[in-house]
Amino acid sequence: MNIIFLGPPGAGKGTQAQRICAALNIPQISTGDILRRAIKEQTPTGLKAKSYIDAGGLVPDDVIIDIVKERLQQDDCKNGYILDGFPRTVPQAEALDTFAKMDAVIELDVADEKLVERISGRRVCLKCGATYHVSLLNGETKCAVCGEELIQRADDQPETVLNRLKVYHAQTAPLVDFYGAKGLVKKVDGDVPMDDVFASIMAALGAQA
């Protein structure tokens, strides 16, 4: 089964994609990961992408599309995959249509105010990487693992989160209409406990949890 995961920053796409992949025994394909892998393996498209990154530019759509196409041709994708972070725009989705057929698009639905609360409440330890949420810290400011001071990342500040959501709604949300017209979109409430989100996704895919 070929699946696309859509949803705003902080909706839990990465976490749920990992669980669904493990349950269905298919790979999770994240554009960031395959970009890094293509560069490391020095594939022709990886080298092309590296030239843009080294020059401080954005990797253009046609290179990203070629890297995704390259990845989907590998053996572990024969029984399906989850695309996480691609396509981001309708032109990318139109390009994807030329070399891959999607079976379902899971849209994780969480209200913007909930996402701002979820992301801006995140605190991290720079030393060991542990992550916490202020709602569960009870005023504690140090890492329970290594004792280092916890910080709020710059991109977790409320105003930054709102900007990221604005970009998502402008660029990526139109994909819901694009795939909705094909009857592929399955909306799942992402503002419930993680196990319930997982069960809802599996049910939407017609798979056994």
C-alpha atoms as a PDB file:
ATOM      1  CA  MET A   1       0.000   0.000   0.000  1.00  0.00           C
ATOM      2  CA  ASN A   2       1.378   3.395  -1.048  1.00  0.00           C
ATOM      3  CA  ILE A   3       0.458   6.059   1.491  1.00  0.00           C
ATOM      4  CA  ILE A   4       1.036   9.808   1.876  1.00  0.00           C
ATOM      5  CA  PHE A   5       0.981  11.402   5.330  1.00  0.00           C
ATOM      6  CA  LEU A   6      -0.242  15.003   5.461  1.00  0.00           C
ATOM      7  CA  GLY A   7      -0.568  17.264   8.461  1.00  0.00           C
ATOM      8  CA  PRO A   8       0.797  20.469   9.955  1.00  0.00           C
ATOM      9  CA  PRO A   9       4.013  20.708  12.018  1.00  0.00           C
ATOM     10  CA  GLY A  10       3.549  19.040  15.394  1.00  0.00           C
ATOM     11  CA  ALA A  11       0.586  16.892  14.318  1.00  0.00           C
ATOM     12  CA  GLY A  12       2.552  13.687  15.010  1.00  0.00           C
ATOM     13  CA  LYS A  13       3.149  12.529  11.436  1.00  0.00           C
ATOM     14  CA  GLY A  14       6.630  11.143  12.099  1.00  0.00           C
ATOM     15  CA  THR A  15       5.613   9.178  15.195  1.00  0.00           C
ATOM     16  CA  GLN A  16       2.533   7.654  13.578  1.00  0.00           C
ATOM     17  CA  ALA A  17       4.345   6.922  10.291  1.00  0.00           C
ATOM     18  CA  GLN A  18       6.940   4.868  12.200  1.00  0.00           C
ATOM     19  CA  ARG A  19       4.220   2.834  13.911  1.00  0.00           C
ATOM     20  CA  ILE A  20       2.241   2.246  10.704  1.00  0.00           C
ATOM     21  CA  CYS A  21       5.410   1.222   8.847  1.00  0.00           C
ATOM     22  CA  ALA A  22       6.271  -1.303  11.554  1.00  0.00           C
ATOM     23  CA  ALA A  23       2.706  -2.684  11.497  1.00  0.00           C
ATOM     24  CA  LEU A  24       2.549  -2.980   7.692  1.00  0.00           C
ATOM     25  CA  ASN A  25       6.244  -3.836   7.203  1.00  0.00           C
ATOM     26  CA  ILE A  26       6.835  -1.048   4.682  1.00  0.00           C
ATOM     27  CA  PRO A  27       9.488   1.729   4.688  1.00  0.00           C
ATOM     28  CA  GLN A  28       8.933   5.319   5.799  1.00  0.00           C
ATOM     29  CA  ILE A  29      10.315   7.666   3.183  1.00  0.00           C
ATOM     30  CA  SER A  30      11.215  11.113   4.444  1.00  0.00           C
ATOM     31  CA  THR A  31      12.629  13.544   1.883  1.00  0.00           C
ATOM     32  CA  GLY A  32      15.202  14.832   4.389  1.00  0.00           C
ATOM     33  CA  ASP A  33      16.494  11.295   4.993  1.00  0.00           C
ATOM     34  CA  ILE A  34      16.669  10.284   1.334  1.00  0.00           C
ATOM     35  CA  LEU A  35      18.317  13.571   0.410  1.00  0.00           C
ATOM     36  CA  ARG A  36      21.051  12.986   3.011  1.00  0.00           C
ATOM     37  CA  ARG A  37      21.412   9.361   1.875  1.00  0.00           C
ATOM     38  CA  ALA A  38      21.668  10.288  -1.826  1.00  0.00           C
ATOM     39  CA  ILE A  39      24.345  12.868  -0.988  1.00  0.00           C
ATOM     40  CA  LYS A  40      26.248  10.383   1.183  1.00  0.00           C
ATOM     41  CA  GLU A  41      26.087   7.672  -1.508  1.00  0.00           C
ATOM     42  CA  GLN A  42      27.078  10.269  -4.138  1.00  0.00           C
ATOM     43  CA  THR A  43      24.337   9.274  -6.577  1.00  0.00           C
ATOM     44  CA  PRO A  44      24.062  11.596  -9.614  1.00  0.00           C
ATOM     45  CA  THR A  45      20.971  13.291  -8.159  1.00  0.00           C
ATOM     46  CA  GLY A  46      22.602  13.396  -4.712  1.00  0.00           C
ATOM     47  CA  LEU A  47      25.604  15.230  -6.154  1.00  0.00           C
ATOM     48  CA  LYS A  48      23.287  17.630  -7.969  1.00  0.00           C
ATOM     49  CA  ALA A  49      21.403  18.345  -4.714  1.00  0.00           C
ATOM     50  CA  LYS A  50      24.719  18.844  -2.875  1.00  0.00           C
ATOM     51  CA  SER A  51      25.779  21.507  -5.358  1.00  0.00           C
ATOM     52  CA  TYR A  52      22.675  23.578  -4.478  1.00  0.00           C
ATOM     53  CA  ILE A  53      23.084  23.036  -0.721  1.00  0.00           C
ATOM     54  CA  ASP A  54      26.801  23.918  -0.840  1.00  0.00           C
ATOM     55  CA  ALA A  55      25.916  27.147  -2.640  1.00  0.00           C
ATOM     56  CA  GLY A  56      23.442  27.991   0.144  1.00  0.00           C
ATOM     57  CA  GLY A  57      20.386  27.528  -2.073  1.00  0.00           C
ATOM     58  CA  LEU A  58      17.220  25.441  -1.873  1.00  0.00           C
ATOM     59  CA  VAL A  59      17.176  22.131  -3.706  1.00  0.00           C
ATOM     60  CA  PRO A  60      14.779  22.676  -6.641  1.00  0.00           C
ATOM     61  CA  ASP A  61      11.657  20.583  -7.196  1.00  0.00           C
ATOM     62  CA  ASP A  62      12.995  18.635 -10.169  1.00  0.00           C
ATOM     63  CA  VAL A  63      15.990  17.362  -8.159  1.00  0.00           C
ATOM     64  CA  ILE A  64      13.809  16.423  -5.142  1.00  0.00           C
ATOM     65  CA  ILE A  65      11.407  14.621  -7.489  1.00  0.00           C
ATOM     66  CA  ASP A  66      14.260  12.683  -9.126  1.00  0.00           C
ATOM     67  CA  ILE A  67      15.573  11.637  -5.692  1.00  0.00           C
ATOM     68  CA  VAL A  68      12.103  10.419  -4.621  1.00  0.00           C
ATOM     69  CA  LYS A  69      11.685   8.562  -7.926  1.00  0.00           C
ATOM     70  CA  GLU A  70      15.097   6.920  -7.437  1.00  0.00           C
ATOM     71  CA  ARG A  71      14.145   5.841  -3.891  1.00  0.00           C
ATOM     72  CA  LEU A  72      10.768   4.378  -4.882  1.00  0.00           C
ATOM     73  CA  GLN A  73      12.472   2.076  -7.398  1.00  0.00           C
ATOM     74  CA  GLN A  74      14.377   0.264  -4.642  1.00  0.00           C
ATOM     75  CA  ASP A  75      13.394  -3.270  -3.628  1.00  0.00           C
ATOM     76  CA  ASP A  76      12.054  -2.456  -0.170  1.00  0.00           C
ATOM     77  CA  CYS A  77       9.309  -0.306  -1.750  1.00  0.00           C
ATOM     78  CA  LYS A  78       7.773  -3.169  -3.744  1.00  0.00           C
ATOM     79  CA  ASN A  79       5.025  -3.813  -1.179  1.00  0.00           C
ATOM     80  CA  GLY A  80       4.374  -0.155  -0.462  1.00  0.00           C
ATOM     81  CA  TYR A  81       5.712   2.790   1.530  1.00  0.00           C
ATOM     82  CA  ILE A  82       4.740   5.903   3.458  1.00  0.00           C
ATOM     83  CA  LEU A  83       5.783   9.278   2.047  1.00  0.00           C
ATOM     84  CA  ASP A  84       6.362  11.735   4.896  1.00  0.00           C
ATOM     85  CA  GLY A  85       7.225  15.296   3.861  1.00  0.00           C
ATOM     86  CA  PHE A  86       6.608  14.767   0.146  1.00  0.00           C
ATOM     87  CA  PRO A  87       4.782  16.023  -1.813  1.00  0.00           C
ATOM     88  CA  ARG A  88       4.676  19.456  -0.202  1.00  0.00           C
ATOM     89  CA  THR A  89       2.982  21.289  -3.069  1.00  0.00           C
ATOM     90  CA  VAL A  90       0.480  20.515  -5.833  1.00  0.00           C
ATOM     91  CA  PRO A  91       3.166  20.682  -8.585  1.00  0.00           C
ATOM     92  CA  GLN A  92       5.164  18.033  -6.663  1.00  0.00           C
ATOM     93  CA  ALA A  93       1.997  15.908  -6.364  1.00  0.00           C
ATOM     94  CA  GLU A  94       1.368  16.215 -10.112  1.00  0.00           C
ATOM     95  CA  ALA A  95       4.942  15.093 -10.793  1.00  0.00           C
ATOM     96  CA  LEU A  96       4.548  12.161  -8.362  1.00  0.00           C
ATOM     97  CA  ASP A  97       1.452  11.046 -10.314  1.00  0.00           C
ATOM     98  CA  THR A  98       3.646  10.439 -13.355  1.00  0.00           C
ATOM     99  CA  PHE A  99       5.668   7.634 -11.711  1.00  0.00           C
ATOM    100  CA  ALA A 100       3.742   6.375  -8.656  1.00  0.00           C
ATOM    101  CA  LYS A 101       0.166   5.477  -7.788  1.00  0.00           C
ATOM    102  CA  MET A 102      -1.070   6.376  -4.313  1.00  0.00           C
ATOM    103  CA  ASP A 103      -3.605   4.220  -2.458  1.00  0.00           C
ATOM    104  CA  ALA A 104      -4.402   6.527   0.455  1.00  0.00           C
ATOM    105  CA  VAL A 105      -3.645   9.963   1.861  1.00  0.00           C
ATOM    106  CA  ILE A 106      -3.858  10.228   5.650  1.00  0.00           C
ATOM    107  CA  GLU A 107      -4.556  13.758   6.851  1.00  0.00           C
ATOM    108  CA  LEU A 108      -3.782  14.223  10.541  1.00  0.00           C
ATOM    109  CA  ASP A 109      -6.126  16.948  11.733  1.00  0.00           C
ATOM    110  CA  VAL A 110      -5.162  19.111  14.728  1.00  0.00           C
ATOM    111  CA  ALA A 111      -6.374  22.682  15.363  1.00  0.00           C
ATOM    112  CA  ASP A 112      -3.731  25.418  15.061  1.00  0.00           C
ATOM    113  CA  GLU A 113      -4.128  26.571  18.677  1.00  0.00           C
ATOM    114  CA  LYS A 114      -3.528  23.010  19.908  1.00  0.00           C
ATOM    115  CA  LEU A 115      -0.388  22.767  17.757  1.00  0.00           C
ATOM    116  CA  VAL A 116       0.979  26.067  19.078  1.00  0.00           C
ATOM    117  CA  GLU A 117       0.382  24.816  22.636  1.00  0.00           C
ATOM    118  CA  ARG A 118       1.920  21.417  21.821  1.00  0.00           C
ATOM    119  CA  ILE A 119       5.055  22.745  20.080  1.00  0.00           C
ATOM    120  CA  SER A 120       5.718  25.900  22.118  1.00  0.00           C
ATOM    121  CA  GLY A 121       5.472  23.855  25.318  1.00  0.00           C
ATOM    122  CA  ARG A 122       8.307  21.608  24.207  1.00  0.00           C
ATOM    123  CA  ARG A 123      11.568  21.778  26.172  1.00  0.00           C
ATOM    124  CA  VAL A 124      14.741  19.969  25.166  1.00  0.00           C
ATOM    125  CA  CYS A 125      18.067  19.025  26.691  1.00  0.00           C
ATOM    126  CA  LEU A 126      20.901  19.985  24.353  1.00  0.00           C
ATOM    127  CA  LYS A 127      23.283  17.570  26.062  1.00  0.00           C
ATOM    128  CA  CYS A 128      21.411  14.257  25.795  1.00  0.00           C
ATOM    129  CA  GLY A 129      18.531  15.146  23.444  1.00  0.00           C
ATOM    130  CA  ALA A 130      15.730  14.274  25.886  1.00  0.00           C
ATOM    131  CA  THR A 131      12.423  16.044  25.141  1.00  0.00           C
ATOM    132  CA  TYR A 132       9.779  17.185  27.624  1.00  0.00           C
ATOM    133  CA  HIS A 133       6.563  19.213  27.695  1.00  0.00           C
ATOM    134  CA  VAL A 134       5.969  21.989  30.225  1.00  0.00           C
ATOM    135  CA  SER A 135       2.563  20.505  31.088  1.00  0.00           C
ATOM    136  CA  LEU A 136       4.349  17.468  32.557  1.00  0.00           C
ATOM    137  CA  LEU A 137       7.414  19.168  34.075  1.00  0.00           C
ATOM    138  CA  ASN A 138       5.692  20.566  37.197  1.00  0.00           C
ATOM    139  CA  GLY A 139       7.967  23.607  37.090  1.00  0.00           C
ATOM    140  CA  GLU A 140      11.164  21.527  36.764  1.00  0.00           C
ATOM    141  CA  THR A 141      13.812  23.205  34.581  1.00  0.00           C
ATOM    142  CA  LYS A 142      16.517  20.525  34.491  1.00  0.00           C
ATOM    143  CA  CYS A 143      16.788  17.313  32.493  1.00  0.00           C
ATOM    144  CA  ALA A 144      15.761  14.220  34.474  1.00  0.00           C
ATOM    145  CA  VAL A 145      18.304  12.155  32.503  1.00  0.00           C
ATOM    146  CA  CYS A 146      21.506  14.189  32.823  1.00  0.00           C
ATOM    147  CA  GLY A 147      20.675  17.238  34.954  1.00  0.00           C
ATOM    148  CA  GLU A 148      21.383  19.850  32.244  1.00  0.00           C
ATOM    149  CA  GLU A 149      19.233  22.972  31.908  1.00  0.00           C
ATOM    150  CA  LEU A 150      16.240  22.554  29.573  1.00  0.00           C
ATOM    151  CA  ILE A 151      15.743  25.060  26.765  1.00  0.00           C
ATOM    152  CA  GLN A 152      13.067  26.092  24.295  1.00  0.00           C
ATOM    153  CA  ARG A 153      14.312  25.848  20.712  1.00  0.00           C
ATOM    154  CA  ALA A 154      14.018  29.016  18.611  1.00  0.00           C
ATOM    155  CA  ASP A 155      11.748  27.261  16.095  1.00  0.00           C
ATOM    156  CA  ASP A 156       9.435  26.200  18.961  1.00  0.00           C
ATOM    157  CA  GLN A 157       8.647  29.820  19.924  1.00  0.00           C
ATOM    158  CA  PRO A 158       4.886  30.577  19.490  1.00  0.00           C
ATOM    159  CA  GLU A 159       5.408  33.226  16.772  1.00  0.00           C
ATOM    160  CA  THR A 160       7.709  30.881  14.808  1.00  0.00           C
ATOM    161  CA  VAL A 161       5.184  28.048  15.110  1.00  0.00           C
ATOM    162  CA  LEU A 162       2.440  30.343  13.776  1.00  0.00           C
ATOM    163  CA  ASN A 163       4.639  31.255  10.793  1.00  0.00           C
ATOM    164  CA  ARG A 164       5.320  27.557  10.081  1.00  0.00           C
ATOM    165  CA  LEU A 165       1.579  26.869  10.210  1.00  0.00           C
ATOM    166  CA  LYS A 166       0.903  29.771   7.830  1.00  0.00           C
ATOM    167  CA  VAL A 167       3.378  28.274   5.331  1.00  0.00           C
ATOM    168  CA  TYR A 168       1.752  24.852   5.740  1.00  0.00           C
ATOM    169  CA  HIS A 169      -1.758  26.156   5.103  1.00  0.00           C
ATOM    170  CA  ALA A 170      -0.626  28.160   2.075  1.00  0.00           C
ATOM    171  CA  GLN A 171       1.496  25.466   0.398  1.00  0.00           C
ATOM    172  CA  THR A 172       0.584  22.032   1.629  1.00  0.00           C
ATOM    173  CA  ALA A 173      -3.097  22.215   2.585  1.00  0.00           C
ATOM    174  CA  PRO A 174      -4.140  22.525  -1.115  1.00  0.00           C
ATOM    175  CA  LEU A 175      -2.903  18.929  -1.431  1.00  0.00           C
ATOM    176  CA  VAL A 176      -5.951  17.901   0.604  1.00  0.00           C
ATOM    177  CA  ASP A 177      -8.158  19.282  -2.206  1.00  0.00           C
ATOM    178  CA  PHE A 178      -5.934  17.734  -4.890  1.00  0.00           C
ATOM    179  CA  TYR A 179      -6.105  14.234  -3.385  1.00  0.00           C
ATOM    180  CA  GLY A 180      -9.667  14.761  -2.119  1.00  0.00           C
ATOM    181  CA  ALA A 181     -10.785  15.108  -5.754  1.00  0.00           C
ATOM    182  CA  LYS A 182      -9.318  11.631  -6.322  1.00  0.00           C
ATOM    183  CA  GLY A 183     -11.185  10.240  -3.297  1.00  0.00           C
ATOM    184  CA  LEU A 184      -7.952   9.297  -1.507  1.00  0.00           C
ATOM    185  CA  VAL A 185      -8.049  11.515   1.599  1.00  0.00           C
ATOM    186  CA  LYS A 186      -8.846   9.940   4.962  1.00  0.00           C
ATOM    187  CA  LYS A 187      -9.036  12.525   7.742  1.00  0.00           C
ATOM    188  CA  VAL A 188      -7.937  11.338  11.180  1.00  0.00           C
ATOM    189  CA  ASP A 189      -8.308  13.272  14.446  1.00  0.00           C
ATOM    190  CA  GLY A 190      -4.739  13.866  15.658  1.00  0.00           C
ATOM    191  CA  ASP A 191      -5.805  15.491  18.931  1.00  0.00           C
ATOM    192  CA  VAL A 192      -6.517  12.265  20.840  1.00  0.00           C
ATOM    193  CA  PRO A 193      -4.147   9.842  22.644  1.00  0.00           C
ATOM    194  CA  MET A 194      -1.421   8.390  20.371  1.00  0.00           C
ATOM    195  CA  ASP A 195      -2.775   4.845  20.518  1.00  0.00           C
ATOM    196  CA  ASP A 196      -6.211   6.080  19.405  1.00  0.00           C
ATOM    197  CA  VAL A 197      -4.660   7.999  16.494  1.00  0.00           C
ATOM    198  CA  PHE A 198      -2.804   4.835  15.458  1.00  0.00           C
ATOM    199  CA  ALA A 199      -5.982   2.715  15.658  1.00  0.00           C
ATOM    200  CA  SER A 200      -7.917   5.292  13.592  1.00  0.00           C
ATOM    201  CA  ILE A 201      -5.229   5.356  10.892  1.00  0.00           C
ATOM    202  CA  MET A 202      -5.134   1.548  10.690  1.00  0.00           C
ATOM    203  CA  ALA A 203      -8.939   1.472  10.438  1.00  0.00           C
ATOM    204  CA  ALA A 204      -8.892   4.168   7.711  1.00  0.00           C
ATOM    205  CA  LEU A 205      -6.393   2.011   5.783  1.00  0.00           C
ATOM    206  CA  GLY A 206      -8.547  -1.095   6.264  1.00  0.00           C
ATOM    207  CA  ALA A 207      -5.687  -2.783   8.121  1.00  0.00           C
ATOM    208  CA  GLN A 208      -5.693  -4.782  11.351  1.00  0.00           C
ATOM    209  CA  ALA A 209      -4.190  -2.902  14.346  1.00  0.00           C
END
